[in-house]
Protein backbone atom coordinates (compact mmCIF):
# COMPACT_ATOMS: atom_id res chain seq x y z
CA UNK A 1 0.00 0.00 0.00
CA UNK A 2 1.40 3.34 -1.07
CA UNK A 3 0.91 6.44 1.10
CA UNK A 4 -0.43 9.49 -0.66
CA UNK A 5 1.53 12.70 -0.27
CA UNK A 6 -0.06 15.24 2.05
CA UNK A 7 0.69 18.09 -0.33
CA UNK A 8 0.19 17.51 -4.01
CA UNK A 9 0.54 19.94 -6.90
CA UNK A 10 -3.21 20.15 -7.25
CA UNK A 11 -3.49 21.39 -3.66
CA UNK A 12 -1.17 24.27 -4.52
CA UNK A 13 -3.55 25.76 -7.06
CA UNK A 14 -3.85 29.56 -7.32
CA UNK A 15 -6.48 29.54 -4.57
CA UNK A 16 -3.74 28.54 -2.13
CA UNK A 17 -1.90 31.74 -3.01
CA UNK A 18 -4.33 34.04 -1.27
CA UNK A 19 -4.28 37.76 -0.80
CA UNK A 20 -1.93 37.42 2.18
CA UNK A 21 0.80 36.09 -0.05
CA UNK A 22 0.55 39.09 -2.35
CA UNK A 23 0.35 41.53 0.56
CA UNK A 24 3.55 40.04 1.96
CA UNK A 25 5.18 40.21 -1.46
CA UNK A 26 4.16 43.86 -1.81
CA UNK A 27 5.65 44.61 1.61
CA UNK A 28 8.86 42.83 0.66
CA UNK A 29 9.28 44.78 -2.58
CA UNK A 30 8.42 48.02 -0.77
CA UNK A 31 11.09 47.46 1.88
CA UNK A 32 13.95 46.44 -0.40
CA UNK A 33 16.88 48.82 -0.77
CA UNK A 34 16.23 50.41 -3.23
CA UNK A 35 12.49 49.73 -3.17
CA UNK A 36 10.84 48.11 -6.20
CA UNK A 37 7.77 50.33 -6.38
CA UNK A 38 6.24 48.91 -9.58
CA UNK A 39 6.52 45.32 -8.33
CA UNK A 40 5.14 46.29 -4.93
CA UNK A 41 2.12 48.03 -6.45
CA UNK A 42 1.48 45.08 -8.77
CA UNK A 43 1.49 42.67 -5.81
CA UNK A 44 -0.89 44.86 -3.80
CA UNK A 45 -3.19 45.21 -6.83
CA UNK A 46 -3.27 41.42 -7.22
CA UNK A 47 -4.23 41.13 -3.54
CA UNK A 48 -7.00 43.70 -4.12
CA UNK A 49 -8.35 41.64 -7.02
CA UNK A 50 -8.48 38.54 -4.81
CA UNK A 51 -10.13 40.42 -1.94
CA UNK A 52 -11.55 43.84 -2.88
CA UNK A 53 -12.44 44.56 0.77
CA UNK A 54 -8.89 44.07 2.06
CA UNK A 55 -7.76 47.22 3.87
CA UNK A 56 -4.14 46.03 3.94
CA UNK A 57 -4.04 45.65 0.17
CA UNK A 58 -5.74 49.00 -0.37
CA UNK A 59 -3.33 50.81 1.97
CA UNK A 60 -0.29 49.07 0.52
CA UNK A 61 -0.55 50.86 -2.83
CA UNK A 62 -0.13 54.42 -1.51
CA UNK A 63 2.51 53.25 0.95
CA UNK A 64 4.51 51.80 -1.93
CA UNK A 65 4.43 55.18 -3.69
CA UNK A 66 5.16 57.12 -0.49
CA UNK A 67 8.52 55.46 0.14
CA UNK A 68 11.30 57.83 -0.94
CA UNK A 69 13.51 56.54 -3.75
CA UNK A 70 16.48 56.41 -1.39
CA UNK A 71 14.58 54.01 0.85
CA UNK A 72 15.00 56.39 3.80
CA UNK A 73 12.30 56.58 6.41
CA UNK A 74 11.98 60.27 7.29
CA UNK A 75 10.02 59.50 10.46
CA UNK A 76 12.91 57.39 11.77
CA UNK A 77 15.68 59.94 11.25
CA UNK A 78 17.45 61.21 14.38
CA UNK A 79 16.67 64.77 15.37
CA UNK A 80 19.28 67.44 15.67
């Protein structure tokens, strides 16, 4: 008797790649140095298509554009 694998290719269909995967991918691209804005926005848009009510996906798009090209975080800069 042969045991069936617990994770087959059919179980990894596109439905398994939910909005969370694309939100994480968008965050990753947004936080690279230098940031990959176009890739980040595309990932967030894909997440929005999968779940139009996702606040995280909706907020990810403007955050991707808001990141300065240098990757600096102005709110984290030391004062003085």
